[in-house]
Amino acid sequence: MATRKSTTKKRSPAKKRTGAKKGAARKAAAKRGSKTRRARGGEGGGTARPQAPRPAAVAAAPQPLARAIQRTTRQSPYKMRLVIDEIRGLDVNAALSYLAFSKKHAAKQIEKVLRSAVANAEFRAREQNEPLDVDTLFVKHAVINEGPKLKRFTPAAMGRATPILKRTSHVEIVVAAREGAAR
C-alpha cells in the first residue's frame, strides 16, 4: 500500500497562533484577497472578462455653476453650520431674505459669500455671452469647513495658564441655475 503525503504543512509548537492572532491574520488575508480581486476586474479568481462598453450619458445642457469661498471667518464652524443648513437648497432670493433677517452673526458672513457667488454667476454668464436670470439661481452646494485655530492662553488658578482655541471657518457656496421657470 502506497503512503500519501499530506499537502498541509505541520507547524512547530513555537509558531502556534493564539485565537486573536488567527482572526487578525484571516482578516488581513481577506483584505489582501479583495484588493487583488478588484484589481483583476472580477469577483472571483480566474481570467478577467472583457466588459461591454457602457452607454454614453445623455448630453444635457450643462448647468452654469458659480462659487464663492471665504476663508478664515472668525466664527466657529458649529455656529456657522446652524445658519448654512437653513439655506442649503433654497432659491437665492429666499436665502438672502432669510439671512437679512437672521439675528445670528454668522448670517452676515454667509450673506456676503452668497452675494459674491451670485455676482460670479452673473459675470460668468456675461463673459460667455449667455442669458442668465438671477431669479432661477439656487444654492446648490453650501458647506462650512474648519479653518486654522488661533491658540491663545488665559490665566488660571495657582499661576497656571489655560489654553483657548479661537476657531475659524471656511465658507463655500455654489449656486446654479434651476431647470425650468423661476419660482
N, C-alpha and C. Protein backbone atom coordinates (compact mmCIF):
# COMPACT_ATOMS: atom_id res chain seq x y z
N MET A 1 0.84 -1.17 0.00
CA MET A 1 0.00 0.00 0.00
C MET A 1 0.89 1.23 0.00
N ALA A 2 0.58 2.18 -0.92
CA ALA A 2 1.40 3.38 -1.06
C ALA A 2 0.97 4.41 -0.02
N THR A 3 1.93 5.09 0.52
CA THR A 3 1.60 6.12 1.50
C THR A 3 1.44 7.46 0.79
N ARG A 4 0.44 8.21 1.20
CA ARG A 4 0.20 9.53 0.63
C ARG A 4 0.83 10.58 1.49
N LYS A 5 1.43 11.56 0.83
CA LYS A 5 2.00 12.67 1.57
C LYS A 5 0.89 13.69 1.85
N SER A 6 0.94 14.23 3.00
CA SER A 6 -0.03 15.27 3.36
C SER A 6 0.38 16.58 2.70
N THR A 7 -0.61 17.32 2.15
CA THR A 7 -0.31 18.59 1.49
C THR A 7 -0.25 19.75 2.46
N THR A 8 -0.75 19.55 3.68
CA THR A 8 -0.71 20.64 4.65
C THR A 8 0.61 20.63 5.39
N LYS A 9 1.06 21.82 5.74
CA LYS A 9 2.31 21.93 6.47
C LYS A 9 2.05 21.71 7.95
N LYS A 10 2.98 21.08 8.57
CA LYS A 10 2.91 20.92 10.02
C LYS A 10 3.61 22.12 10.64
N ARG A 11 3.01 22.67 11.68
CA ARG A 11 3.62 23.80 12.37
C ARG A 11 4.33 23.30 13.61
N SER A 12 5.39 23.99 13.88
CA SER A 12 6.09 23.67 15.12
C SER A 12 5.32 24.29 16.27
N PRO A 13 5.42 23.72 17.45
CA PRO A 13 4.65 24.25 18.59
C PRO A 13 5.02 25.70 18.92
N ALA A 14 6.21 26.14 18.60
CA ALA A 14 6.61 27.50 18.92
C ALA A 14 5.87 28.52 18.06
N LYS A 15 5.46 28.12 16.87
CA LYS A 15 4.79 29.04 15.95
C LYS A 15 3.27 28.95 16.04
N LYS A 16 2.74 28.32 17.06
CA LYS A 16 1.30 28.18 17.19
C LYS A 16 0.68 29.55 17.48
N ARG A 17 -0.38 29.86 16.79
CA ARG A 17 -1.01 31.17 16.93
C ARG A 17 -2.13 31.10 17.95
N THR A 18 -2.34 32.23 18.61
CA THR A 18 -3.48 32.29 19.53
C THR A 18 -4.72 32.66 18.73
N GLY A 19 -5.87 32.56 19.36
CA GLY A 19 -7.14 32.82 18.68
C GLY A 19 -7.23 34.23 18.12
N ALA A 20 -6.76 35.24 18.87
CA ALA A 20 -6.84 36.63 18.41
C ALA A 20 -5.96 36.85 17.19
N LYS A 21 -4.79 36.24 17.22
CA LYS A 21 -3.88 36.42 16.10
C LYS A 21 -4.40 35.72 14.86
N LYS A 22 -5.07 34.58 15.03
CA LYS A 22 -5.62 33.86 13.88
C LYS A 22 -6.68 34.73 13.19
N GLY A 23 -7.55 35.35 13.99
CA GLY A 23 -8.60 36.20 13.42
C GLY A 23 -8.01 37.39 12.67
N ALA A 24 -6.97 37.98 13.25
CA ALA A 24 -6.33 39.12 12.60
C ALA A 24 -5.66 38.69 11.30
N ALA A 25 -5.05 37.50 11.31
CA ALA A 25 -4.40 37.01 10.10
C ALA A 25 -5.43 36.73 9.01
N ARG A 26 -6.57 36.18 9.40
CA ARG A 26 -7.63 35.90 8.41
C ARG A 26 -8.16 37.20 7.80
N LYS A 27 -8.37 38.22 8.66
CA LYS A 27 -8.87 39.50 8.17
C LYS A 27 -7.88 40.13 7.19
N ALA A 28 -6.59 40.06 7.54
CA ALA A 28 -5.58 40.63 6.66
C ALA A 28 -5.53 39.89 5.33
N ALA A 29 -5.66 38.57 5.38
CA ALA A 29 -5.65 37.78 4.14
C ALA A 29 -6.88 38.10 3.30
N ALA A 30 -8.03 38.25 3.95
CA ALA A 30 -9.25 38.57 3.21
C ALA A 30 -9.14 39.95 2.58
N LYS A 31 -8.53 40.86 3.31
CA LYS A 31 -8.36 42.21 2.78
C LYS A 31 -7.46 42.19 1.55
N ARG A 32 -6.36 41.49 1.66
CA ARG A 32 -5.45 41.39 0.52
C ARG A 32 -6.14 40.74 -0.66
N GLY A 33 -6.91 39.70 -0.39
CA GLY A 33 -7.60 38.99 -1.47
C GLY A 33 -8.61 39.86 -2.17
N SER A 34 -9.34 40.68 -1.38
CA SER A 34 -10.36 41.53 -2.01
C SER A 34 -9.72 42.59 -2.89
N LYS A 35 -8.53 43.07 -2.49
CA LYS A 35 -7.85 44.05 -3.33
C LYS A 35 -7.41 43.43 -4.65
N THR A 36 -6.89 42.20 -4.57
CA THR A 36 -6.42 41.58 -5.81
C THR A 36 -7.58 41.24 -6.73
N ARG A 37 -8.71 40.85 -6.14
CA ARG A 37 -9.87 40.56 -7.00
C ARG A 37 -10.34 41.81 -7.70
N ARG A 38 -10.37 42.94 -6.96
CA ARG A 38 -10.81 44.18 -7.60
C ARG A 38 -9.83 44.60 -8.68
N ALA A 39 -8.56 44.39 -8.44
CA ALA A 39 -7.55 44.80 -9.43
C ALA A 39 -7.69 43.99 -10.71
N ARG A 40 -8.09 42.72 -10.56
CA ARG A 40 -8.24 41.88 -11.74
C ARG A 40 -9.52 42.20 -12.50
N GLY A 41 -10.46 42.83 -11.82
CA GLY A 41 -11.68 43.24 -12.51
C GLY A 41 -12.85 42.31 -12.30
N GLY A 42 -12.71 41.27 -11.53
CA GLY A 42 -13.83 40.36 -11.31
C GLY A 42 -14.00 40.08 -9.85
N GLU A 43 -15.04 39.32 -9.51
CA GLU A 43 -15.29 38.97 -8.13
C GLU A 43 -14.35 37.87 -7.69
N GLY A 44 -14.33 36.78 -8.41
CA GLY A 44 -13.50 35.66 -8.03
C GLY A 44 -12.20 35.66 -8.79
N GLY A 45 -11.47 34.54 -8.67
CA GLY A 45 -10.21 34.43 -9.38
C GLY A 45 -10.45 34.11 -10.85
N GLY A 46 -9.40 33.78 -11.55
CA GLY A 46 -9.53 33.42 -12.96
C GLY A 46 -9.18 34.58 -13.85
N THR A 47 -9.48 34.41 -15.12
CA THR A 47 -9.13 35.44 -16.09
C THR A 47 -10.17 36.55 -16.07
N ALA A 48 -9.73 37.71 -16.40
CA ALA A 48 -10.63 38.86 -16.43
C ALA A 48 -11.46 38.81 -17.71
N ARG A 49 -12.77 39.01 -17.55
CA ARG A 49 -13.65 39.00 -18.71
C ARG A 49 -13.74 40.40 -19.30
N PRO A 50 -13.79 40.50 -20.61
CA PRO A 50 -13.95 41.84 -21.19
C PRO A 50 -15.35 42.36 -20.87
N GLN A 51 -15.40 43.62 -20.49
CA GLN A 51 -16.69 44.22 -20.14
C GLN A 51 -17.26 44.96 -21.33
N ALA A 52 -18.58 44.93 -21.42
CA ALA A 52 -19.27 45.62 -22.51
C ALA A 52 -19.12 47.12 -22.30
N PRO A 53 -18.98 47.88 -23.37
CA PRO A 53 -18.87 49.33 -23.22
C PRO A 53 -20.16 49.90 -22.64
N ARG A 54 -19.99 50.84 -21.73
CA ARG A 54 -21.16 51.46 -21.11
C ARG A 54 -21.76 52.49 -22.04
N PRO A 55 -23.09 52.63 -22.04
CA PRO A 55 -23.70 53.65 -22.91
C PRO A 55 -23.33 55.04 -22.42
N ALA A 56 -23.10 55.91 -23.37
CA ALA A 56 -22.73 57.29 -23.04
C ALA A 56 -23.92 58.00 -22.42
N ALA A 57 -23.64 58.83 -21.45
CA ALA A 57 -24.70 59.58 -20.78
C ALA A 57 -25.32 60.56 -21.77
N VAL A 58 -26.59 60.79 -21.59
CA VAL A 58 -27.29 61.71 -22.47
C VAL A 58 -26.72 63.10 -22.23
N ALA A 59 -26.29 63.73 -23.29
CA ALA A 59 -25.66 65.05 -23.17
C ALA A 59 -26.74 66.10 -22.92
N ALA A 60 -26.84 66.51 -21.67
CA ALA A 60 -27.79 67.56 -21.31
C ALA A 60 -27.04 68.89 -21.28
N ALA A 61 -27.79 69.96 -21.35
CA ALA A 61 -27.16 71.27 -21.29
C ALA A 61 -26.51 71.44 -19.92
N PRO A 62 -25.24 71.82 -19.87
CA PRO A 62 -24.58 71.94 -18.57
C PRO A 62 -25.15 73.09 -17.77
N GLN A 63 -25.33 72.85 -16.47
CA GLN A 63 -25.82 73.90 -15.61
C GLN A 63 -24.71 74.91 -15.36
N PRO A 64 -24.99 76.18 -15.51
CA PRO A 64 -23.95 77.16 -15.18
C PRO A 64 -23.76 77.21 -13.67
N LEU A 65 -22.55 76.98 -13.24
CA LEU A 65 -22.23 77.00 -11.82
C LEU A 65 -21.34 78.19 -11.51
N ALA A 66 -21.48 78.71 -10.33
CA ALA A 66 -20.59 79.75 -9.85
C ALA A 66 -20.40 79.52 -8.37
N ARG A 67 -19.18 79.75 -7.90
CA ARG A 67 -18.94 79.52 -6.49
C ARG A 67 -18.19 80.69 -5.89
N ALA A 68 -18.28 80.78 -4.57
CA ALA A 68 -17.56 81.80 -3.83
C ALA A 68 -17.08 81.16 -2.52
N ILE A 69 -15.87 81.54 -2.11
CA ILE A 69 -15.28 80.98 -0.90
C ILE A 69 -14.77 82.13 -0.04
N GLN A 70 -15.04 82.05 1.24
CA GLN A 70 -14.46 82.98 2.20
C GLN A 70 -13.67 82.14 3.20
N ARG A 71 -12.41 82.45 3.36
CA ARG A 71 -11.55 81.66 4.24
C ARG A 71 -11.31 82.40 5.55
N THR A 72 -11.05 81.62 6.57
CA THR A 72 -10.72 82.08 7.93
C THR A 72 -11.70 83.12 8.46
N THR A 73 -12.97 82.80 8.39
CA THR A 73 -14.00 83.63 9.01
C THR A 73 -13.89 83.44 10.52
N ARG A 74 -13.91 84.52 11.28
CA ARG A 74 -13.70 84.43 12.72
C ARG A 74 -14.97 84.04 13.45
N GLN A 75 -15.44 82.82 13.18
CA GLN A 75 -16.56 82.25 13.92
C GLN A 75 -16.41 80.75 13.87
N SER A 76 -16.87 80.08 14.91
CA SER A 76 -16.68 78.63 14.97
C SER A 76 -17.54 77.95 13.91
N PRO A 77 -17.05 76.84 13.35
CA PRO A 77 -17.82 76.13 12.31
C PRO A 77 -19.17 75.65 12.81
N TYR A 78 -19.26 75.27 14.07
CA TYR A 78 -20.52 74.78 14.62
C TYR A 78 -21.60 75.84 14.51
N LYS A 79 -21.28 77.07 14.90
CA LYS A 79 -22.26 78.16 14.85
C LYS A 79 -22.60 78.54 13.42
N MET A 80 -21.62 78.45 12.52
CA MET A 80 -21.86 78.78 11.11
C MET A 80 -22.76 77.73 10.45
N ARG A 81 -22.56 76.47 10.82
CA ARG A 81 -23.35 75.39 10.20
C ARG A 81 -24.82 75.48 10.57
N LEU A 82 -25.13 76.03 11.75
CA LEU A 82 -26.53 76.20 12.14
C LEU A 82 -27.27 77.09 11.14
N VAL A 83 -26.58 78.08 10.61
CA VAL A 83 -27.21 79.01 9.66
C VAL A 83 -27.20 78.44 8.25
N ILE A 84 -26.07 77.85 7.84
CA ILE A 84 -25.95 77.42 6.44
C ILE A 84 -26.87 76.24 6.15
N ASP A 85 -27.19 75.44 7.18
CA ASP A 85 -28.12 74.33 6.97
C ASP A 85 -29.51 74.83 6.60
N GLU A 86 -29.85 76.04 7.03
CA GLU A 86 -31.17 76.60 6.74
C GLU A 86 -31.31 77.07 5.29
N ILE A 87 -30.21 77.44 4.63
CA ILE A 87 -30.33 78.00 3.28
C ILE A 87 -29.97 77.01 2.19
N ARG A 88 -29.42 75.86 2.55
CA ARG A 88 -28.99 74.89 1.53
C ARG A 88 -30.20 74.42 0.73
N GLY A 89 -30.13 74.56 -0.60
CA GLY A 89 -31.22 74.12 -1.48
C GLY A 89 -32.26 75.18 -1.76
N LEU A 90 -32.21 76.31 -1.06
CA LEU A 90 -33.21 77.37 -1.29
C LEU A 90 -32.86 78.18 -2.54
N ASP A 91 -33.87 78.88 -3.06
CA ASP A 91 -33.61 79.86 -4.10
C ASP A 91 -32.78 80.99 -3.50
N VAL A 92 -32.02 81.66 -4.34
CA VAL A 92 -31.11 82.70 -3.86
C VAL A 92 -31.89 83.82 -3.18
N ASN A 93 -33.01 84.24 -3.75
CA ASN A 93 -33.79 85.33 -3.15
C ASN A 93 -34.32 84.94 -1.77
N ALA A 94 -34.80 83.72 -1.64
CA ALA A 94 -35.31 83.25 -0.34
C ALA A 94 -34.17 83.16 0.67
N ALA A 95 -33.02 82.68 0.22
CA ALA A 95 -31.87 82.56 1.12
C ALA A 95 -31.40 83.93 1.58
N LEU A 96 -31.34 84.90 0.66
CA LEU A 96 -30.89 86.24 1.04
C LEU A 96 -31.86 86.91 2.01
N SER A 97 -33.16 86.70 1.81
CA SER A 97 -34.12 87.30 2.74
C SER A 97 -34.03 86.63 4.11
N TYR A 98 -33.79 85.33 4.14
CA TYR A 98 -33.62 84.64 5.42
C TYR A 98 -32.39 85.19 6.16
N LEU A 99 -31.28 85.34 5.42
CA LEU A 99 -30.04 85.81 6.04
C LEU A 99 -30.15 87.27 6.49
N ALA A 100 -30.89 88.09 5.76
CA ALA A 100 -31.01 89.51 6.10
C ALA A 100 -31.73 89.70 7.43
N PHE A 101 -32.68 88.83 7.75
CA PHE A 101 -33.47 89.00 8.97
C PHE A 101 -33.04 88.08 10.10
N SER A 102 -31.97 87.34 9.90
CA SER A 102 -31.47 86.47 10.95
C SER A 102 -30.68 87.28 11.97
N LYS A 103 -30.79 86.91 13.25
CA LYS A 103 -30.07 87.64 14.31
C LYS A 103 -28.66 87.12 14.51
N LYS A 104 -28.31 86.03 13.89
CA LYS A 104 -27.01 85.42 14.13
C LYS A 104 -25.90 86.16 13.38
N HIS A 105 -24.73 86.23 14.01
CA HIS A 105 -23.57 86.89 13.40
C HIS A 105 -23.11 86.16 12.15
N ALA A 106 -23.26 84.83 12.15
CA ALA A 106 -22.83 84.02 11.01
C ALA A 106 -23.63 84.38 9.76
N ALA A 107 -24.87 84.84 9.92
CA ALA A 107 -25.71 85.15 8.77
C ALA A 107 -25.11 86.27 7.93
N LYS A 108 -24.47 87.26 8.59
CA LYS A 108 -23.86 88.36 7.84
C LYS A 108 -22.71 87.85 6.97
N GLN A 109 -21.89 86.97 7.53
CA GLN A 109 -20.75 86.44 6.77
C GLN A 109 -21.22 85.57 5.61
N ILE A 110 -22.22 84.74 5.86
CA ILE A 110 -22.73 83.85 4.81
C ILE A 110 -23.43 84.66 3.72
N GLU A 111 -24.10 85.75 4.12
CA GLU A 111 -24.76 86.62 3.13
C GLU A 111 -23.75 87.23 2.17
N LYS A 112 -22.60 87.65 2.69
CA LYS A 112 -21.54 88.20 1.84
C LYS A 112 -21.07 87.18 0.81
N VAL A 113 -20.88 85.96 1.26
CA VAL A 113 -20.40 84.91 0.35
C VAL A 113 -21.45 84.58 -0.69
N LEU A 114 -22.72 84.52 -0.28
CA LEU A 114 -23.80 84.22 -1.23
C LEU A 114 -23.93 85.32 -2.28
N ARG A 115 -23.84 86.58 -1.87
CA ARG A 115 -23.89 87.68 -2.84
C ARG A 115 -22.71 87.61 -3.81
N SER A 116 -21.55 87.22 -3.30
CA SER A 116 -20.38 87.07 -4.16
C SER A 116 -20.58 85.95 -5.18
N ALA A 117 -21.18 84.85 -4.76
CA ALA A 117 -21.43 83.73 -5.68
C ALA A 117 -22.41 84.13 -6.78
N VAL A 118 -23.43 84.91 -6.42
CA VAL A 118 -24.40 85.39 -7.42
C VAL A 118 -23.71 86.33 -8.40
N ALA A 119 -22.86 87.21 -7.88
CA ALA A 119 -22.12 88.13 -8.76
C ALA A 119 -21.18 87.35 -9.69
N ASN A 120 -20.57 86.29 -9.18
CA ASN A 120 -19.70 85.46 -10.01
C ASN A 120 -20.50 84.76 -11.11
N ALA A 121 -21.73 84.34 -10.80
CA ALA A 121 -22.58 83.71 -11.81
C ALA A 121 -22.95 84.70 -12.91
N GLU A 122 -23.28 85.93 -12.50
CA GLU A 122 -23.61 86.96 -13.49
C GLU A 122 -22.40 87.27 -14.37
N PHE A 123 -21.24 87.39 -13.75
CA PHE A 123 -20.03 87.70 -14.51
C PHE A 123 -19.71 86.59 -15.51
N ARG A 124 -19.84 85.36 -15.07
CA ARG A 124 -19.54 84.22 -15.96
C ARG A 124 -20.51 84.18 -17.14
N ALA A 125 -21.79 84.47 -16.88
CA ALA A 125 -22.79 84.47 -17.96
C ALA A 125 -22.49 85.59 -18.95
N ARG A 126 -22.11 86.76 -18.42
CA ARG A 126 -21.77 87.88 -19.29
C ARG A 126 -20.53 87.56 -20.13
N GLU A 127 -19.55 86.91 -19.49
CA GLU A 127 -18.30 86.59 -20.17
C GLU A 127 -18.52 85.57 -21.29
N GLN A 128 -19.42 84.61 -21.07
CA GLN A 128 -19.69 83.58 -22.08
C GLN A 128 -20.84 83.95 -23.00
N ASN A 129 -21.35 85.15 -22.82
CA ASN A 129 -22.43 85.67 -23.67
C ASN A 129 -23.67 84.77 -23.64
N GLU A 130 -24.05 84.37 -22.43
CA GLU A 130 -25.22 83.52 -22.24
C GLU A 130 -26.25 84.27 -21.41
N PRO A 131 -27.53 84.00 -21.64
CA PRO A 131 -28.54 84.66 -20.81
C PRO A 131 -28.60 84.00 -19.43
N LEU A 132 -28.82 84.81 -18.40
CA LEU A 132 -28.95 84.29 -17.05
C LEU A 132 -29.98 85.10 -16.30
N ASP A 133 -30.97 84.42 -15.77
CA ASP A 133 -31.97 85.07 -14.93
C ASP A 133 -31.58 84.78 -13.49
N VAL A 134 -31.29 85.80 -12.73
CA VAL A 134 -30.83 85.62 -11.35
C VAL A 134 -31.90 84.96 -10.49
N ASP A 135 -33.18 85.14 -10.88
CA ASP A 135 -34.26 84.55 -10.10
C ASP A 135 -34.29 83.02 -10.21
N THR A 136 -33.59 82.45 -11.20
CA THR A 136 -33.57 80.98 -11.33
C THR A 136 -32.42 80.36 -10.55
N LEU A 137 -31.55 81.17 -9.95
CA LEU A 137 -30.41 80.63 -9.21
C LEU A 137 -30.87 80.05 -7.87
N PHE A 138 -30.21 78.97 -7.45
CA PHE A 138 -30.46 78.39 -6.14
C PHE A 138 -29.14 77.94 -5.53
N VAL A 139 -29.15 77.72 -4.25
CA VAL A 139 -27.94 77.31 -3.52
C VAL A 139 -27.79 75.80 -3.71
N LYS A 140 -26.88 75.43 -4.59
CA LYS A 140 -26.70 74.01 -4.90
C LYS A 140 -25.83 73.30 -3.87
N HIS A 141 -24.78 73.97 -3.43
CA HIS A 141 -23.81 73.34 -2.53
C HIS A 141 -23.36 74.40 -1.53
N ALA A 142 -23.51 74.14 -0.26
CA ALA A 142 -23.09 75.10 0.76
C ALA A 142 -22.50 74.33 1.93
N VAL A 143 -21.22 74.56 2.19
CA VAL A 143 -20.55 73.85 3.29
C VAL A 143 -19.72 74.83 4.11
N ILE A 144 -19.52 74.44 5.35
CA ILE A 144 -18.63 75.15 6.26
C ILE A 144 -17.55 74.16 6.66
N ASN A 145 -16.31 74.50 6.36
CA ASN A 145 -15.19 73.67 6.77
C ASN A 145 -14.42 74.38 7.88
N GLU A 146 -13.66 73.58 8.62
CA GLU A 146 -12.92 74.14 9.73
C GLU A 146 -11.65 74.81 9.23
N GLY A 147 -11.40 76.00 9.71
CA GLY A 147 -10.18 76.72 9.36
C GLY A 147 -9.12 76.56 10.44
N PRO A 148 -8.04 77.30 10.34
CA PRO A 148 -7.00 77.20 11.36
C PRO A 148 -7.48 77.77 12.69
N LYS A 149 -7.02 77.15 13.78
CA LYS A 149 -7.41 77.62 15.11
C LYS A 149 -6.37 78.61 15.61
N LEU A 150 -6.84 79.69 16.20
CA LEU A 150 -5.93 80.64 16.85
C LEU A 150 -5.75 80.18 18.29
N LYS A 151 -4.51 79.94 18.68
CA LYS A 151 -4.24 79.41 20.01
C LYS A 151 -3.85 80.55 20.95
N ARG A 152 -4.64 80.72 21.99
CA ARG A 152 -4.41 81.76 22.98
C ARG A 152 -4.42 81.12 24.37
N PHE A 153 -3.97 81.88 25.37
CA PHE A 153 -3.95 81.37 26.74
C PHE A 153 -4.59 82.39 27.65
N THR A 154 -5.23 81.89 28.71
CA THR A 154 -5.81 82.76 29.72
C THR A 154 -5.27 82.32 31.09
N PRO A 155 -5.09 83.26 32.01
CA PRO A 155 -4.58 82.87 33.33
C PRO A 155 -5.57 81.97 34.07
N ALA A 156 -5.03 81.04 34.83
CA ALA A 156 -5.85 80.13 35.63
C ALA A 156 -5.32 80.16 37.07
N ALA A 157 -5.92 79.39 37.92
CA ALA A 157 -5.55 79.37 39.34
C ALA A 157 -4.13 78.85 39.53
N MET A 158 -3.49 79.30 40.59
CA MET A 158 -2.17 78.86 41.03
C MET A 158 -1.10 79.05 39.95
N GLY A 159 -1.19 80.16 39.24
CA GLY A 159 -0.15 80.50 38.27
C GLY A 159 -0.15 79.69 36.99
N ARG A 160 -1.18 78.93 36.76
CA ARG A 160 -1.26 78.13 35.53
C ARG A 160 -1.85 78.97 34.41
N ALA A 161 -1.77 78.39 33.20
CA ALA A 161 -2.39 79.02 32.04
C ALA A 161 -3.28 77.99 31.37
N THR A 162 -4.47 78.41 30.98
CA THR A 162 -5.42 77.51 30.31
C THR A 162 -5.48 77.88 28.84
N PRO A 163 -5.34 76.89 27.94
CA PRO A 163 -5.39 77.22 26.51
C PRO A 163 -6.81 77.55 26.05
N ILE A 164 -6.89 78.45 25.11
CA ILE A 164 -8.16 78.80 24.46
C ILE A 164 -7.96 78.62 22.97
N LEU A 165 -8.91 77.95 22.32
CA LEU A 165 -8.86 77.78 20.88
C LEU A 165 -9.92 78.68 20.26
N LYS A 166 -9.47 79.68 19.51
CA LYS A 166 -10.42 80.54 18.80
C LYS A 166 -10.56 79.95 17.40
N ARG A 167 -11.70 79.35 17.15
CA ARG A 167 -11.90 78.59 15.91
C ARG A 167 -12.30 79.51 14.76
N THR A 168 -11.87 79.11 13.56
CA THR A 168 -12.24 79.85 12.35
C THR A 168 -12.89 78.89 11.36
N SER A 169 -13.53 79.45 10.33
CA SER A 169 -14.29 78.64 9.37
C SER A 169 -13.95 79.04 7.96
N HIS A 170 -14.13 78.10 7.05
CA HIS A 170 -14.08 78.37 5.62
C HIS A 170 -15.50 78.18 5.09
N VAL A 171 -16.03 79.18 4.42
CA VAL A 171 -17.40 79.13 3.87
C VAL A 171 -17.29 78.92 2.37
N GLU A 172 -18.00 77.93 1.84
CA GLU A 172 -18.02 77.69 0.40
C GLU A 172 -19.47 77.54 -0.06
N ILE A 173 -19.84 78.34 -1.05
CA ILE A 173 -21.21 78.29 -1.58
C ILE A 173 -21.13 78.19 -3.10
N VAL A 174 -21.92 77.26 -3.66
CA VAL A 174 -22.04 77.09 -5.10
C VAL A 174 -23.48 77.35 -5.49
N VAL A 175 -23.69 78.22 -6.47
CA VAL A 175 -25.04 78.47 -6.96
C VAL A 175 -25.15 77.97 -8.39
N ALA A 176 -26.33 77.53 -8.76
CA ALA A 176 -26.58 77.04 -10.12
C ALA A 176 -27.97 77.48 -10.55
N ALA A 177 -28.19 77.49 -11.86
CA ALA A 177 -29.50 77.86 -12.40
C ALA A 177 -30.41 76.66 -12.37
N ARG A 178 -31.62 76.85 -11.92
CA ARG A 178 -32.60 75.78 -11.84
C ARG A 178 -33.18 75.53 -13.23
N GLU A 179 -33.43 74.27 -13.52
CA GLU A 179 -34.07 73.94 -14.79
C GLU A 179 -35.54 74.37 -14.73
N GLY A 180 -36.02 75.03 -15.74
CA GLY A 180 -37.42 75.45 -15.77
C GLY A 180 -37.57 76.92 -15.43
N ALA A 181 -38.81 77.31 -15.14
CA ALA A 181 -39.12 78.72 -14.89
C ALA A 181 -38.72 79.12 -13.48
N ALA A 182 -38.68 80.42 -13.26
CA ALA A 182 -38.36 80.97 -11.94
C ALA A 182 -39.50 80.69 -10.99
N ARG A 183 -39.15 80.55 -9.73
CA ARG A 183 -40.18 80.26 -8.72
C ARG A 183 -40.67 81.51 -8.09
